[in-house]
Amino acid sequence: MKSNIFYQTILAGIFILTSCQPKDSVKCDESQQIKSETAMNKITDCKISAGNITFTNAINGADNCVKLLNNGALEFYCAEGLDFFSDPNGKLSNTTLPILLVPVDNTKPFTLIAKVTPEFTTEGMYNAADLFVYSSDSLWQKLAFEQDEYGNHRIVTVRTIGTSDDNNHDKLDVPSVYMKISSDTKTIASYYSIDKKKWNMVRLYKNSYPKNIYLGISSQSPKKGSCTSQFEEISLSFDNVNDFRLGE
């Protein structure tokens, strides 16, 4: 019995050390799937540039999950079973998702925009490309272009204060969409657009995040298969939309 425990301990240690090695491939470390869902994620340093943003932080090894394409797009790979959600019932809670982060001063305005193209598949329920506002594992919001239970492709928002809500918005029959999150320090709102001209507001609430927060991007695949999402025209500006209803 003691011998079995000893060898199991040694194997576990080898597994953890292996999972922390940097990767040249776009494929993210699939051992993240078994990471404890109750532990707070550690924010690590990185340097990934796309658009006018340099992402300087990551959680769950996100910097090992991305690569820049020749057209300037950022490709973000997500292995099966990775998600960011704090289920009110506890059953579906999962904070294993790799997320690239950039710190921002929340006492100043900001606007994050990206054109996203998720990999939607027949069995890829909840596959999505995400924009994040992140303070901690228990305080965050994501804006997603996501595949629902019926195979529809929808704009989805999830706001987490301890536990997550889950809101399905408009159904879209397009492969790509522009998404935007903007704050004037007091109000924060999420939008989508097909042409980057007409914006549709999907969520608006009081900005009660602390002074120091992160904005981020991710690709998710909570159920079957993997999801490789592309992010194009990524931009971060330190201003806000003039009209929070129109998003312009």
Protein backbone atom coordinates (compact mmCIF):
# COMPACT_ATOMS: atom_id res chain seq x y z
CA MET A 1 0.00 0.00 0.00
CA LYS A 2 2.79 2.42 0.94
CA SER A 3 4.66 1.49 -2.22
CA ASN A 4 1.64 2.35 -4.40
CA ILE A 5 1.22 5.72 -2.69
CA PHE A 6 4.94 6.47 -3.17
CA TYR A 7 4.86 5.74 -6.90
CA GLN A 8 1.61 7.67 -7.36
CA THR A 9 3.21 10.68 -5.67
CA ILE A 10 6.31 10.48 -7.90
CA LEU A 11 4.18 10.18 -11.07
CA ALA A 12 2.03 13.15 -10.03
CA GLY A 13 5.14 15.27 -9.52
CA ILE A 14 6.50 14.34 -12.96
CA PHE A 15 3.12 15.14 -14.53
CA ILE A 16 2.98 18.61 -12.98
CA LEU A 17 6.55 19.46 -14.03
CA THR A 18 5.84 18.31 -17.59
CA SER A 19 2.66 20.40 -17.83
CA CYS A 20 4.61 23.56 -16.99
CA GLN A 21 7.10 23.25 -19.85
CA PRO A 22 6.78 25.95 -22.58
CA LYS A 23 5.39 24.82 -25.92
CA ASP A 24 6.26 25.80 -29.50
CA SER A 25 2.97 24.39 -30.80
CA VAL A 26 -0.30 26.28 -30.78
CA LYS A 27 -1.86 23.41 -28.86
CA CYS A 28 -2.44 24.32 -25.25
CA ASP A 29 -1.47 21.90 -22.50
CA GLU A 30 -4.43 19.52 -22.18
CA SER A 31 -3.47 18.66 -18.60
CA GLN A 32 -5.21 21.92 -17.68
CA GLN A 33 -8.44 19.92 -17.93
CA ILE A 34 -7.81 18.26 -14.59
CA LYS A 35 -6.66 21.38 -12.76
CA SER A 36 -8.53 22.03 -9.50
CA GLU A 37 -11.63 24.06 -10.22
CA THR A 38 -11.72 25.59 -6.75
CA ALA A 39 -8.17 26.99 -6.63
CA MET A 40 -7.61 30.62 -7.59
CA ASN A 41 -5.68 30.91 -10.83
CA LYS A 42 -2.17 32.31 -10.73
CA ILE A 43 -1.50 35.23 -13.08
CA THR A 44 1.81 34.76 -14.88
CA ASP A 45 3.91 37.06 -17.05
CA CYS A 46 4.11 36.83 -20.82
CA LYS A 47 4.53 39.01 -23.90
CA ILE A 48 2.13 38.42 -26.78
CA SER A 49 1.48 41.28 -29.22
CA ALA A 50 -1.54 41.48 -31.51
CA GLY A 51 -3.08 44.56 -33.06
CA ASN A 52 -2.08 47.51 -30.89
CA ILE A 53 -2.10 45.42 -27.69
CA THR A 54 0.71 43.62 -25.93
CA PHE A 55 -0.75 41.04 -23.58
CA THR A 56 1.63 40.92 -20.63
CA ASN A 57 -0.18 38.40 -18.42
CA ALA A 58 -1.87 35.03 -18.69
CA ILE A 59 -3.72 32.46 -16.67
CA ASN A 60 -3.83 28.72 -17.27
CA GLY A 61 -0.90 28.86 -19.69
CA ALA A 62 -2.67 31.00 -22.30
CA ASP A 63 0.62 32.20 -23.80
CA ASN A 64 1.31 28.58 -24.84
CA CYS A 65 -2.03 28.39 -26.67
CA VAL A 66 -1.61 31.15 -29.24
CA LYS A 67 0.32 31.99 -32.38
CA LEU A 68 0.38 34.91 -34.80
CA LEU A 69 -0.61 34.20 -38.39
CA ASN A 70 0.91 35.82 -41.46
CA ASN A 71 -2.16 38.00 -41.94
CA GLY A 72 -1.70 39.51 -38.47
CA ALA A 73 -4.50 37.52 -36.87
CA LEU A 74 -3.99 35.80 -33.54
CA GLU A 75 -4.95 32.12 -33.43
CA PHE A 76 -6.04 30.85 -30.02
CA TYR A 77 -6.31 27.09 -29.42
CA CYS A 78 -8.43 25.63 -26.61
CA ALA A 79 -8.39 21.97 -25.64
CA GLU A 80 -11.53 20.00 -24.79
CA GLY A 81 -13.16 20.62 -21.42
CA LEU A 82 -11.82 24.11 -20.69
CA ASP A 83 -14.21 26.83 -19.53
CA PHE A 84 -14.63 29.79 -17.19
CA PHE A 85 -17.90 29.61 -15.29
CA SER A 86 -18.99 29.63 -11.64
CA ASP A 87 -22.20 27.64 -11.60
CA PRO A 88 -24.77 28.82 -9.01
CA ASN A 89 -25.46 25.11 -8.39
CA GLY A 90 -21.79 24.19 -8.35
CA LYS A 91 -22.12 21.32 -10.82
CA LEU A 92 -20.65 23.04 -13.88
CA SER A 93 -18.06 25.26 -12.17
CA ASN A 94 -14.82 25.32 -14.16
CA THR A 95 -12.00 27.88 -14.14
CA THR A 96 -9.47 26.05 -16.31
CA LEU A 97 -9.77 28.34 -19.34
CA PRO A 98 -6.53 29.89 -20.67
CA ILE A 99 -6.92 33.68 -20.93
CA LEU A 100 -4.50 36.32 -22.25
CA LEU A 101 -4.63 39.49 -20.16
CA VAL A 102 -3.54 43.11 -20.32
CA PRO A 103 -3.72 45.30 -17.17
CA VAL A 104 -5.70 48.54 -17.31
CA ASP A 105 -6.43 51.40 -14.93
CA ASN A 106 -10.17 51.18 -14.31
CA THR A 107 -10.28 54.80 -13.10
CA LYS A 108 -9.81 55.78 -16.76
CA PRO A 109 -12.01 55.04 -19.79
CA PHE A 110 -11.24 52.10 -22.07
CA THR A 111 -12.61 50.35 -25.14
CA LEU A 112 -11.59 46.85 -26.25
CA ILE A 113 -12.55 45.68 -29.75
CA ALA A 114 -11.82 42.53 -31.75
CA LYS A 115 -13.17 40.68 -34.75
CA VAL A 116 -13.62 37.07 -33.68
CA THR A 117 -14.07 33.85 -35.63
CA PRO A 118 -14.68 30.83 -33.36
CA GLU A 119 -14.35 27.26 -34.56
CA PHE A 120 -17.92 26.00 -34.51
CA THR A 121 -18.32 22.22 -34.90
CA THR A 122 -21.21 19.75 -34.88
CA GLU A 123 -20.44 18.52 -31.35
CA GLY A 124 -18.78 21.68 -30.04
CA MET A 125 -21.53 22.88 -27.73
CA TYR A 126 -20.53 26.16 -26.04
CA ASN A 127 -17.47 26.59 -28.27
CA ALA A 128 -16.76 30.32 -28.36
CA ALA A 129 -14.37 33.22 -28.73
CA ASP A 130 -14.41 35.56 -25.71
CA LEU A 131 -13.55 39.07 -24.59
CA PHE A 132 -12.98 39.36 -20.82
CA VAL A 133 -13.06 41.91 -18.04
CA TYR A 134 -11.17 40.16 -15.25
CA SER A 135 -10.45 41.10 -11.65
CA SER A 136 -10.29 37.65 -10.03
CA ASP A 137 -11.78 34.18 -10.48
CA SER A 138 -14.85 35.35 -8.58
CA LEU A 139 -15.23 38.80 -10.21
CA TRP A 140 -15.28 39.00 -14.00
CA GLN A 141 -17.38 39.29 -17.16
CA LYS A 142 -17.09 37.74 -20.59
CA LEU A 143 -18.63 38.64 -23.93
CA ALA A 144 -18.73 35.65 -26.28
CA PHE A 145 -19.70 34.52 -29.75
CA GLU A 146 -20.86 31.05 -28.77
CA GLN A 147 -22.60 27.92 -30.04
CA ASP A 148 -25.67 27.04 -27.99
CA GLU A 149 -27.38 23.73 -27.14
CA TYR A 150 -29.24 23.69 -30.47
CA GLY A 151 -26.25 24.50 -32.66
CA ASN A 152 -27.21 28.16 -33.00
CA HIS A 153 -24.45 30.77 -32.93
CA ARG A 154 -25.25 33.52 -30.43
CA ILE A 155 -23.84 36.50 -28.65
CA VAL A 156 -23.59 35.51 -24.99
CA THR A 157 -22.65 37.44 -21.85
CA VAL A 158 -21.70 36.02 -18.46
CA ARG A 159 -21.22 38.23 -15.42
CA THR A 160 -19.71 36.73 -12.28
CA ILE A 161 -19.90 38.13 -8.78
CA GLY A 162 -19.13 35.06 -6.70
CA THR A 163 -21.30 32.96 -9.03
CA SER A 164 -22.08 33.44 -12.71
CA ASP A 165 -25.24 34.37 -14.53
CA ASP A 166 -25.65 33.25 -18.15
CA ASN A 167 -27.38 35.31 -20.83
CA ASN A 168 -28.05 34.24 -24.43
CA HIS A 169 -28.58 37.15 -26.81
CA ASP A 170 -29.02 37.49 -30.58
CA LYS A 171 -28.63 34.54 -32.95
CA LEU A 172 -26.28 35.29 -35.85
CA ASP A 173 -25.80 33.41 -39.13
CA VAL A 174 -22.29 34.68 -39.81
CA PRO A 175 -18.86 33.10 -39.22
CA SER A 176 -17.32 36.23 -37.70
CA VAL A 177 -18.45 39.17 -35.61
CA TYR A 178 -16.97 42.30 -34.07
CA MET A 179 -17.26 42.52 -30.30
CA LYS A 180 -16.64 45.52 -28.07
CA ILE A 181 -16.49 46.30 -24.34
CA SER A 182 -16.38 49.97 -23.33
CA SER A 183 -16.26 51.87 -20.02
CA ASP A 184 -16.36 55.54 -19.04
CA THR A 185 -15.30 54.47 -15.49
CA LYS A 186 -18.90 54.59 -14.24
CA THR A 187 -20.69 52.46 -16.82
CA ILE A 188 -19.50 49.38 -18.66
CA ALA A 189 -21.26 47.95 -21.71
CA SER A 190 -20.88 45.15 -24.26
CA TYR A 191 -21.70 45.30 -27.97
CA TYR A 192 -21.50 43.36 -31.21
CA SER A 193 -21.48 44.42 -34.87
CA ILE A 194 -21.50 42.66 -38.20
CA ASP A 195 -19.81 45.50 -40.10
CA LYS A 196 -18.07 47.51 -37.32
CA LYS A 197 -20.40 50.40 -38.15
CA LYS A 198 -23.74 49.63 -36.53
CA TRP A 199 -23.29 48.39 -32.96
CA ASN A 200 -25.87 46.46 -30.95
CA MET A 201 -25.80 46.79 -27.17
CA VAL A 202 -26.30 43.50 -25.32
CA ARG A 203 -25.37 44.37 -21.76
CA LEU A 204 -24.87 47.48 -19.62
CA TYR A 205 -24.26 47.84 -15.89
CA LYS A 206 -22.50 49.91 -13.25
CA ASN A 207 -18.73 49.62 -13.34
CA SER A 208 -18.00 48.50 -9.80
CA TYR A 209 -14.71 46.74 -10.56
CA PRO A 210 -11.65 47.81 -8.54
CA LYS A 211 -9.02 50.25 -9.76
CA ASN A 212 -6.66 47.64 -11.18
CA ILE A 213 -8.25 45.12 -13.55
CA TYR A 214 -7.41 43.18 -16.70
CA LEU A 215 -8.95 42.98 -20.14
CA GLY A 216 -8.50 39.73 -22.00
CA ILE A 217 -9.26 37.34 -24.83
CA SER A 218 -9.81 33.61 -24.94
CA SER A 219 -11.14 30.66 -26.91
CA GLN A 220 -13.29 28.10 -25.09
CA SER A 221 -14.38 24.48 -25.56
CA PRO A 222 -16.27 23.28 -22.46
CA LYS A 223 -17.66 20.09 -23.99
CA LYS A 224 -16.45 17.92 -26.89
CA GLY A 225 -13.49 18.48 -29.18
CA SER A 226 -11.31 21.56 -29.28
CA CYS A 227 -11.88 25.12 -30.44
CA THR A 228 -9.41 27.26 -32.37
CA SER A 229 -10.58 30.87 -32.61
CA GLN A 230 -9.11 33.70 -34.63
CA PHE A 231 -8.87 37.27 -33.35
CA GLU A 232 -8.38 40.08 -35.87
CA GLU A 233 -8.28 43.88 -35.70
CA ILE A 234 -7.66 43.74 -31.96
CA SER A 235 -7.48 47.21 -30.44
CA LEU A 236 -7.46 48.84 -27.03
CA SER A 237 -8.08 52.58 -26.72
CA PHE A 238 -8.32 54.69 -23.61
CA ASP A 239 -11.60 56.38 -24.42
CA ASN A 240 -15.23 55.31 -24.36
CA VAL A 241 -18.25 55.23 -26.64
CA ASN A 242 -20.15 58.51 -26.76
CA ASP A 243 -23.59 56.90 -26.70
CA PHE A 244 -23.85 53.83 -24.49
CA ARG A 245 -27.14 52.78 -26.08
CA LEU A 246 -25.87 52.95 -29.67
CA GLY A 247 -22.31 51.95 -28.86
CA GLU A 248 -20.89 54.70 -31.04
